[in-house]
Amino acid sequence: MKLQAFTVALAIVLTGRKASPQVKSSNIDNRVATLIKRMMKGSTEKKAFADLEVLGCPAVPAIIRQMDDRRNLPERRISLRNKSPQAFEGMRYYGPEEVVDALATILNQITGQDFGSIHNGASEPRRSAAVQGWHDFLLKNPPDKLCGAG
């Protein structure tokens, strides 16, 4: 991490410009991967969910790239603030079974999009269809349009 920060600082000094988007993207990819690892431990799972959501729109591509993860979650609970103007309750509660389910829930929270409800677990065909829907969404939308609906 320190080497990467040094590389970014050196690039700014040498070129007078900020770091390239690739370096920034790499940082987000690493952060998402680290948070997914933390999801696999009961004592850090809830905070990892919250931290993924806080990363927001810039993390959407990284989350989608990592979402086809079928490992079982240690605790099958996720709570998210209900942002819908039509919300009749302040929180949304789900019971994701696998990492893919939780990531789809977080992506829905960030983007407002849904490609098949797998938030409470689902069959393998439904999970595969949802993952494909998210990958298609990423391919069809420029980064600045990923969160237009959310």
N, C-alpha and C. Protein backbone atom coordinates (compact mmCIF):
# COMPACT_ATOMS: atom_id res chain seq x y z
N MET A 1 0.82 -1.18 0.00
CA MET A 1 0.00 0.00 0.00
C MET A 1 0.87 1.26 0.00
N LYS A 2 1.93 1.27 0.83
CA LYS A 2 2.81 2.43 0.88
C LYS A 2 3.53 2.63 -0.45
N LEU A 3 3.94 1.51 -1.08
CA LEU A 3 4.62 1.60 -2.37
C LEU A 3 3.69 2.22 -3.41
N GLN A 4 2.43 1.81 -3.39
CA GLN A 4 1.47 2.35 -4.34
C GLN A 4 1.26 3.84 -4.11
N ALA A 5 1.16 4.26 -2.85
CA ALA A 5 1.01 5.69 -2.54
C ALA A 5 2.24 6.47 -3.01
N PHE A 6 3.42 5.89 -2.82
CA PHE A 6 4.64 6.52 -3.30
C PHE A 6 4.63 6.66 -4.82
N THR A 7 4.18 5.60 -5.51
CA THR A 7 4.12 5.63 -6.97
C THR A 7 3.17 6.72 -7.45
N VAL A 8 2.03 6.85 -6.80
CA VAL A 8 1.07 7.89 -7.16
C VAL A 8 1.68 9.27 -6.92
N ALA A 9 2.31 9.46 -5.77
CA ALA A 9 2.93 10.75 -5.46
C ALA A 9 4.03 11.08 -6.46
N LEU A 10 4.83 10.09 -6.82
CA LEU A 10 5.90 10.29 -7.79
C LEU A 10 5.32 10.69 -9.15
N ALA A 11 4.25 10.05 -9.55
CA ALA A 11 3.61 10.39 -10.84
C ALA A 11 3.12 11.83 -10.84
N ILE A 12 2.58 12.28 -9.72
CA ILE A 12 2.10 13.66 -9.63
C ILE A 12 3.27 14.63 -9.73
N VAL A 13 4.35 14.33 -9.02
CA VAL A 13 5.53 15.21 -9.05
C VAL A 13 6.13 15.26 -10.46
N LEU A 14 6.27 14.10 -11.09
CA LEU A 14 6.92 14.04 -12.39
C LEU A 14 6.08 14.61 -13.52
N THR A 15 4.78 14.41 -13.46
CA THR A 15 3.92 14.83 -14.57
C THR A 15 3.10 16.07 -14.25
N GLY A 16 2.98 16.38 -12.97
CA GLY A 16 2.15 17.51 -12.58
C GLY A 16 0.66 17.19 -12.64
N ARG A 17 0.33 15.91 -12.85
CA ARG A 17 -1.08 15.50 -12.94
C ARG A 17 -1.40 14.51 -11.84
N LYS A 18 -2.67 14.37 -11.60
CA LYS A 18 -3.12 13.37 -10.63
C LYS A 18 -2.90 11.99 -11.21
N ALA A 19 -2.99 10.99 -10.33
CA ALA A 19 -2.79 9.60 -10.74
C ALA A 19 -3.81 9.19 -11.79
N SER A 20 -3.44 8.24 -12.61
CA SER A 20 -4.33 7.76 -13.65
C SER A 20 -5.52 7.03 -13.04
N PRO A 21 -6.65 6.96 -13.76
CA PRO A 21 -7.81 6.22 -13.26
C PRO A 21 -7.50 4.76 -13.01
N GLN A 22 -6.52 4.19 -13.72
CA GLN A 22 -6.18 2.79 -13.52
C GLN A 22 -5.64 2.56 -12.12
N VAL A 23 -4.81 3.47 -11.63
CA VAL A 23 -4.29 3.34 -10.28
C VAL A 23 -5.43 3.45 -9.28
N LYS A 24 -6.29 4.43 -9.49
CA LYS A 24 -7.44 4.62 -8.62
C LYS A 24 -8.33 3.38 -8.64
N SER A 25 -8.60 2.85 -9.81
CA SER A 25 -9.42 1.65 -9.95
C SER A 25 -8.79 0.47 -9.23
N SER A 26 -7.49 0.35 -9.33
CA SER A 26 -6.78 -0.73 -8.66
C SER A 26 -6.95 -0.63 -7.14
N ASN A 27 -6.89 0.59 -6.61
CA ASN A 27 -7.10 0.80 -5.18
C ASN A 27 -8.49 0.35 -4.76
N ILE A 28 -9.49 0.71 -5.54
CA ILE A 28 -10.86 0.33 -5.23
C ILE A 28 -11.03 -1.19 -5.34
N ASP A 29 -10.46 -1.80 -6.38
CA ASP A 29 -10.52 -3.25 -6.52
C ASP A 29 -9.92 -3.94 -5.30
N ASN A 30 -8.78 -3.45 -4.84
CA ASN A 30 -8.14 -4.03 -3.66
C ASN A 30 -8.99 -3.84 -2.42
N ARG A 31 -9.59 -2.67 -2.27
CA ARG A 31 -10.43 -2.39 -1.10
C ARG A 31 -11.65 -3.30 -1.10
N VAL A 32 -12.29 -3.46 -2.26
CA VAL A 32 -13.46 -4.34 -2.36
C VAL A 32 -13.06 -5.77 -2.02
N ALA A 33 -11.96 -6.25 -2.56
CA ALA A 33 -11.49 -7.61 -2.28
C ALA A 33 -11.23 -7.81 -0.78
N THR A 34 -10.64 -6.81 -0.15
CA THR A 34 -10.37 -6.89 1.28
C THR A 34 -11.68 -6.95 2.07
N LEU A 35 -12.64 -6.13 1.69
CA LEU A 35 -13.92 -6.13 2.40
C LEU A 35 -14.67 -7.44 2.20
N ILE A 36 -14.57 -8.03 1.03
CA ILE A 36 -15.21 -9.33 0.80
C ILE A 36 -14.57 -10.38 1.70
N LYS A 37 -13.26 -10.34 1.86
CA LYS A 37 -12.60 -11.26 2.80
C LYS A 37 -13.13 -11.07 4.21
N ARG A 38 -13.36 -9.81 4.60
CA ARG A 38 -13.87 -9.53 5.94
C ARG A 38 -15.32 -9.99 6.11
N MET A 39 -16.05 -10.09 5.00
CA MET A 39 -17.42 -10.61 5.06
C MET A 39 -17.43 -12.07 5.49
N MET A 40 -16.33 -12.76 5.32
CA MET A 40 -16.28 -14.19 5.59
C MET A 40 -16.03 -14.51 7.06
N LYS A 41 -15.92 -13.49 7.88
CA LYS A 41 -15.70 -13.67 9.31
C LYS A 41 -16.86 -13.03 10.05
N GLY A 42 -17.53 -13.80 10.88
CA GLY A 42 -18.71 -13.30 11.58
C GLY A 42 -18.49 -12.00 12.33
N SER A 43 -17.32 -11.84 12.95
CA SER A 43 -17.06 -10.66 13.76
C SER A 43 -16.84 -9.39 12.93
N THR A 44 -16.56 -9.52 11.64
CA THR A 44 -16.31 -8.34 10.80
C THR A 44 -17.29 -8.23 9.62
N GLU A 45 -18.18 -9.20 9.51
CA GLU A 45 -19.09 -9.24 8.36
C GLU A 45 -19.98 -7.99 8.28
N LYS A 46 -20.63 -7.63 9.36
CA LYS A 46 -21.57 -6.51 9.35
C LYS A 46 -20.86 -5.20 8.97
N LYS A 47 -19.69 -4.95 9.52
CA LYS A 47 -18.93 -3.75 9.19
C LYS A 47 -18.47 -3.78 7.74
N ALA A 48 -18.10 -4.95 7.24
CA ALA A 48 -17.69 -5.07 5.83
C ALA A 48 -18.85 -4.70 4.91
N PHE A 49 -20.07 -5.13 5.23
CA PHE A 49 -21.23 -4.74 4.44
C PHE A 49 -21.37 -3.22 4.41
N ALA A 50 -21.29 -2.62 5.58
CA ALA A 50 -21.45 -1.16 5.69
C ALA A 50 -20.34 -0.43 4.93
N ASP A 51 -19.12 -0.93 5.06
CA ASP A 51 -17.98 -0.29 4.39
C ASP A 51 -18.10 -0.41 2.87
N LEU A 52 -18.61 -1.53 2.38
CA LEU A 52 -18.83 -1.67 0.93
C LEU A 52 -19.85 -0.65 0.45
N GLU A 53 -20.92 -0.49 1.18
CA GLU A 53 -21.94 0.49 0.79
C GLU A 53 -21.37 1.90 0.78
N VAL A 54 -20.56 2.23 1.77
CA VAL A 54 -19.98 3.57 1.87
C VAL A 54 -19.05 3.88 0.68
N LEU A 55 -18.43 2.86 0.11
CA LEU A 55 -17.58 3.10 -1.06
C LEU A 55 -18.37 3.70 -2.21
N GLY A 56 -19.65 3.40 -2.28
CA GLY A 56 -20.54 4.04 -3.25
C GLY A 56 -20.27 3.72 -4.71
N CYS A 57 -20.72 4.63 -5.56
CA CYS A 57 -20.65 4.43 -7.02
C CYS A 57 -19.27 4.09 -7.56
N PRO A 58 -18.21 4.70 -7.07
CA PRO A 58 -16.90 4.34 -7.63
C PRO A 58 -16.55 2.86 -7.47
N ALA A 59 -17.17 2.20 -6.50
CA ALA A 59 -16.87 0.79 -6.25
C ALA A 59 -17.75 -0.18 -7.03
N VAL A 60 -18.78 0.32 -7.69
CA VAL A 60 -19.72 -0.56 -8.39
C VAL A 60 -19.02 -1.49 -9.38
N PRO A 61 -18.15 -1.00 -10.27
CA PRO A 61 -17.49 -1.94 -11.19
C PRO A 61 -16.69 -3.02 -10.47
N ALA A 62 -15.97 -2.64 -9.41
CA ALA A 62 -15.17 -3.61 -8.67
C ALA A 62 -16.05 -4.65 -7.97
N ILE A 63 -17.17 -4.21 -7.42
CA ILE A 63 -18.08 -5.15 -6.76
C ILE A 63 -18.65 -6.11 -7.79
N ILE A 64 -19.06 -5.61 -8.94
CA ILE A 64 -19.61 -6.48 -9.98
C ILE A 64 -18.56 -7.49 -10.44
N ARG A 65 -17.33 -7.06 -10.60
CA ARG A 65 -16.28 -7.99 -11.05
C ARG A 65 -16.03 -9.09 -10.04
N GLN A 66 -16.31 -8.85 -8.77
CA GLN A 66 -16.04 -9.84 -7.72
C GLN A 66 -17.29 -10.60 -7.27
N MET A 67 -18.44 -10.28 -7.84
CA MET A 67 -19.68 -10.78 -7.23
C MET A 67 -19.99 -12.25 -7.47
N ASP A 68 -19.39 -12.89 -8.42
CA ASP A 68 -19.71 -14.30 -8.69
C ASP A 68 -18.97 -15.20 -7.70
N ASP A 69 -19.24 -14.97 -6.44
CA ASP A 69 -18.57 -15.65 -5.33
C ASP A 69 -19.63 -16.43 -4.57
N ARG A 70 -19.53 -17.76 -4.61
CA ARG A 70 -20.58 -18.61 -4.05
C ARG A 70 -20.27 -19.13 -2.65
N ARG A 71 -19.35 -18.52 -1.95
CA ARG A 71 -19.08 -18.95 -0.58
C ARG A 71 -20.25 -18.59 0.33
N ASN A 72 -20.51 -19.44 1.29
CA ASN A 72 -21.56 -19.19 2.27
C ASN A 72 -21.11 -18.12 3.25
N LEU A 73 -22.03 -17.25 3.62
CA LEU A 73 -21.75 -16.22 4.61
C LEU A 73 -21.84 -16.79 6.02
N PRO A 74 -21.04 -16.29 6.94
CA PRO A 74 -21.10 -16.80 8.32
C PRO A 74 -22.41 -16.42 9.02
N GLU A 75 -22.85 -15.19 8.87
CA GLU A 75 -24.12 -14.69 9.43
C GLU A 75 -24.98 -14.29 8.25
N ARG A 76 -26.20 -14.69 8.25
CA ARG A 76 -27.06 -14.43 7.10
C ARG A 76 -28.04 -13.31 7.39
N ARG A 77 -27.46 -12.12 7.65
CA ARG A 77 -28.27 -10.94 7.93
C ARG A 77 -27.57 -9.72 7.38
N ILE A 78 -28.36 -8.87 6.74
CA ILE A 78 -27.85 -7.56 6.31
C ILE A 78 -28.98 -6.56 6.48
N SER A 79 -28.65 -5.41 7.02
CA SER A 79 -29.61 -4.32 7.22
C SER A 79 -29.09 -3.10 6.48
N LEU A 80 -29.97 -2.48 5.72
CA LEU A 80 -29.60 -1.30 4.94
C LEU A 80 -30.64 -0.22 5.15
N ARG A 81 -30.19 1.03 5.20
CA ARG A 81 -31.11 2.15 5.34
C ARG A 81 -31.99 2.20 4.10
N ASN A 82 -33.27 2.34 4.29
CA ASN A 82 -34.21 2.40 3.17
C ASN A 82 -34.21 3.81 2.60
N LYS A 83 -33.70 3.96 1.38
CA LYS A 83 -33.57 5.28 0.75
C LYS A 83 -34.74 5.64 -0.16
N SER A 84 -35.65 4.73 -0.35
CA SER A 84 -36.76 4.96 -1.26
C SER A 84 -37.69 6.05 -0.72
N PRO A 85 -38.10 6.99 -1.59
CA PRO A 85 -39.06 8.02 -1.15
C PRO A 85 -40.41 7.42 -0.74
N GLN A 86 -40.73 6.25 -1.27
CA GLN A 86 -41.99 5.59 -0.94
C GLN A 86 -41.84 4.62 0.24
N ALA A 87 -40.72 4.65 0.92
CA ALA A 87 -40.45 3.70 2.01
C ALA A 87 -41.46 3.85 3.13
N PHE A 88 -41.95 2.73 3.62
CA PHE A 88 -42.83 2.75 4.76
C PHE A 88 -42.11 2.31 6.02
N GLU A 89 -40.82 1.93 5.87
CA GLU A 89 -39.99 1.59 7.03
C GLU A 89 -38.59 2.14 6.79
N GLY A 90 -37.89 2.43 7.86
CA GLY A 90 -36.59 3.06 7.77
C GLY A 90 -35.44 2.16 7.36
N MET A 91 -35.61 0.86 7.58
CA MET A 91 -34.54 -0.09 7.26
C MET A 91 -35.08 -1.20 6.38
N ARG A 92 -34.16 -1.77 5.59
CA ARG A 92 -34.47 -2.96 4.78
C ARG A 92 -33.66 -4.10 5.37
N TYR A 93 -34.30 -5.25 5.57
CA TYR A 93 -33.63 -6.40 6.18
C TYR A 93 -33.67 -7.57 5.21
N TYR A 94 -32.51 -8.23 5.06
CA TYR A 94 -32.41 -9.38 4.16
C TYR A 94 -31.62 -10.49 4.83
N GLY A 95 -31.72 -11.67 4.25
CA GLY A 95 -31.00 -12.84 4.74
C GLY A 95 -30.19 -13.50 3.64
N PRO A 96 -29.16 -12.82 3.13
CA PRO A 96 -28.35 -13.42 2.06
C PRO A 96 -27.63 -14.67 2.56
N GLU A 97 -27.58 -15.67 1.71
CA GLU A 97 -26.93 -16.94 2.07
C GLU A 97 -25.48 -16.99 1.62
N GLU A 98 -25.21 -16.42 0.45
CA GLU A 98 -23.89 -16.48 -0.15
C GLU A 98 -23.37 -15.06 -0.40
N VAL A 99 -22.07 -14.95 -0.63
CA VAL A 99 -21.46 -13.66 -0.91
C VAL A 99 -22.17 -12.99 -2.08
N VAL A 100 -22.46 -13.73 -3.13
CA VAL A 100 -23.12 -13.17 -4.31
C VAL A 100 -24.45 -12.51 -3.94
N ASP A 101 -25.19 -13.10 -3.02
CA ASP A 101 -26.47 -12.54 -2.59
C ASP A 101 -26.26 -11.19 -1.90
N ALA A 102 -25.29 -11.14 -1.00
CA ALA A 102 -25.00 -9.90 -0.27
C ALA A 102 -24.52 -8.80 -1.21
N LEU A 103 -23.65 -9.16 -2.16
CA LEU A 103 -23.14 -8.16 -3.09
C LEU A 103 -24.26 -7.63 -3.99
N ALA A 104 -25.17 -8.48 -4.40
CA ALA A 104 -26.31 -8.02 -5.20
C ALA A 104 -27.17 -7.05 -4.39
N THR A 105 -27.32 -7.33 -3.10
CA THR A 105 -28.10 -6.45 -2.22
C THR A 105 -27.42 -5.09 -2.08
N ILE A 106 -26.11 -5.10 -1.90
CA ILE A 106 -25.37 -3.85 -1.76
C ILE A 106 -25.38 -3.07 -3.08
N LEU A 107 -25.22 -3.78 -4.19
CA LEU A 107 -25.28 -3.11 -5.50
C LEU A 107 -26.65 -2.47 -5.72
N ASN A 108 -27.71 -3.17 -5.34
CA ASN A 108 -29.06 -2.60 -5.45
C ASN A 108 -29.18 -1.34 -4.60
N GLN A 109 -28.61 -1.37 -3.41
CA GLN A 109 -28.65 -0.22 -2.52
C GLN A 109 -27.92 0.98 -3.13
N ILE A 110 -26.78 0.73 -3.75
CA ILE A 110 -25.97 1.81 -4.30
C ILE A 110 -26.55 2.35 -5.61
N THR A 111 -26.99 1.44 -6.49
CA THR A 111 -27.39 1.85 -7.85
C THR A 111 -28.88 2.01 -8.05
N GLY A 112 -29.68 1.35 -7.23
CA GLY A 112 -31.12 1.35 -7.45
C GLY A 112 -31.55 0.31 -8.48
N GLN A 113 -30.60 -0.45 -9.01
CA GLN A 113 -30.89 -1.48 -10.02
C GLN A 113 -31.10 -2.84 -9.37
N ASP A 114 -31.80 -3.71 -10.07
CA ASP A 114 -32.03 -5.08 -9.59
C ASP A 114 -32.12 -6.00 -10.80
N PHE A 115 -31.39 -7.07 -10.76
CA PHE A 115 -31.38 -8.02 -11.88
C PHE A 115 -31.79 -9.41 -11.42
N GLY A 116 -32.79 -9.44 -10.59
CA GLY A 116 -33.30 -10.69 -10.05
C GLY A 116 -33.08 -10.69 -8.55
N SER A 117 -34.14 -10.86 -7.82
CA SER A 117 -34.06 -10.78 -6.37
C SER A 117 -33.38 -12.02 -5.80
N ILE A 118 -32.13 -11.84 -5.39
CA ILE A 118 -31.40 -12.93 -4.73
C ILE A 118 -30.97 -12.47 -3.33
N HIS A 119 -31.57 -11.40 -2.84
CA HIS A 119 -31.18 -10.79 -1.57
C HIS A 119 -31.35 -11.74 -0.38
N ASN A 120 -32.25 -12.69 -0.49
CA ASN A 120 -32.50 -13.65 0.59
C ASN A 120 -32.09 -15.06 0.18
N GLY A 121 -31.14 -15.14 -0.73
CA GLY A 121 -30.75 -16.44 -1.26
C GLY A 121 -31.61 -16.76 -2.46
N ALA A 122 -31.19 -17.75 -3.22
CA ALA A 122 -31.92 -18.11 -4.44
C ALA A 122 -31.38 -19.41 -4.99
N SER A 123 -32.04 -19.89 -6.01
CA SER A 123 -31.56 -21.09 -6.71
C SER A 123 -30.32 -20.71 -7.53
N GLU A 124 -29.57 -21.70 -7.92
CA GLU A 124 -28.38 -21.45 -8.74
C GLU A 124 -28.72 -20.76 -10.06
N PRO A 125 -29.77 -21.18 -10.79
CA PRO A 125 -30.11 -20.48 -12.03
C PRO A 125 -30.46 -19.00 -11.81
N ARG A 126 -31.15 -18.69 -10.72
CA ARG A 126 -31.49 -17.29 -10.43
C ARG A 126 -30.25 -16.47 -10.08
N ARG A 127 -29.34 -17.08 -9.34
CA ARG A 127 -28.09 -16.38 -9.01
C ARG A 127 -27.29 -16.12 -10.28
N SER A 128 -27.17 -17.12 -11.13
CA SER A 128 -26.41 -16.96 -12.37
C SER A 128 -27.02 -15.88 -13.25
N ALA A 129 -28.34 -15.84 -13.33
CA ALA A 129 -29.01 -14.82 -14.14
C ALA A 129 -28.77 -13.42 -13.55
N ALA A 130 -28.81 -13.31 -12.24
CA ALA A 130 -28.57 -12.01 -11.60
C ALA A 130 -27.13 -11.54 -11.85
N VAL A 131 -26.17 -12.45 -11.70
CA VAL A 131 -24.77 -12.09 -11.95
C VAL A 131 -24.60 -11.64 -13.40
N GLN A 132 -25.21 -12.37 -14.33
CA GLN A 132 -25.11 -11.98 -15.74
C GLN A 132 -25.75 -10.62 -15.98
N GLY A 133 -26.87 -10.36 -15.32
CA GLY A 133 -27.53 -9.06 -15.44
C GLY A 133 -26.63 -7.93 -14.97
N TRP A 134 -25.94 -8.13 -13.85
CA TRP A 134 -25.02 -7.11 -13.35
C TRP A 134 -23.84 -6.91 -14.29
N HIS A 135 -23.31 -8.00 -14.84
CA HIS A 135 -22.19 -7.88 -15.79
C HIS A 135 -22.64 -7.13 -17.05
N ASP A 136 -23.83 -7.44 -17.54
CA ASP A 136 -24.36 -6.74 -18.72
C ASP A 136 -24.56 -5.25 -18.41
N PHE A 137 -25.08 -4.96 -17.24
CA PHE A 137 -25.28 -3.58 -16.80
C PHE A 137 -23.95 -2.82 -16.82
N LEU A 138 -22.90 -3.45 -16.32
CA LEU A 138 -21.59 -2.81 -16.29
C LEU A 138 -21.06 -2.56 -17.70
N LEU A 139 -21.26 -3.52 -18.59
CA LEU A 139 -20.79 -3.37 -19.97
C LEU A 139 -21.54 -2.30 -20.74
N LYS A 140 -22.83 -2.13 -20.45
CA LYS A 140 -23.68 -1.24 -21.24
C LYS A 140 -23.71 0.20 -20.73
N ASN A 141 -23.13 0.45 -19.56
CA ASN A 141 -23.23 1.78 -18.97
C ASN A 141 -21.86 2.36 -18.68
N PRO A 142 -21.65 3.61 -19.05
CA PRO A 142 -20.40 4.28 -18.68
C PRO A 142 -20.36 4.48 -17.16
N PRO A 143 -19.18 4.60 -16.59
CA PRO A 143 -19.07 4.73 -15.14
C PRO A 143 -19.92 5.84 -14.53
N ASP A 144 -20.09 6.95 -15.22
CA ASP A 144 -20.88 8.05 -14.67
C ASP A 144 -22.39 7.80 -14.72
N LYS A 145 -22.81 6.70 -15.34
CA LYS A 145 -24.25 6.39 -15.41
C LYS A 145 -24.63 5.18 -14.57
N LEU A 146 -23.69 4.60 -13.83
CA LEU A 146 -23.99 3.40 -13.05
C LEU A 146 -24.93 3.64 -11.89
N CYS A 147 -24.95 4.84 -11.39
CA CYS A 147 -25.79 5.11 -10.21
C CYS A 147 -26.87 6.14 -10.50
N GLY A 148 -27.23 6.31 -11.73
CA GLY A 148 -28.24 7.29 -12.11
C GLY A 148 -29.59 7.04 -11.48
N ALA A 149 -29.90 5.78 -11.23
CA ALA A 149 -31.24 5.47 -10.69
C ALA A 149 -31.23 5.38 -9.17
N GLY A 150 -30.04 5.41 -8.55
CA GLY A 150 -29.97 5.17 -7.11
C GLY A 150 -29.77 6.37 -6.26
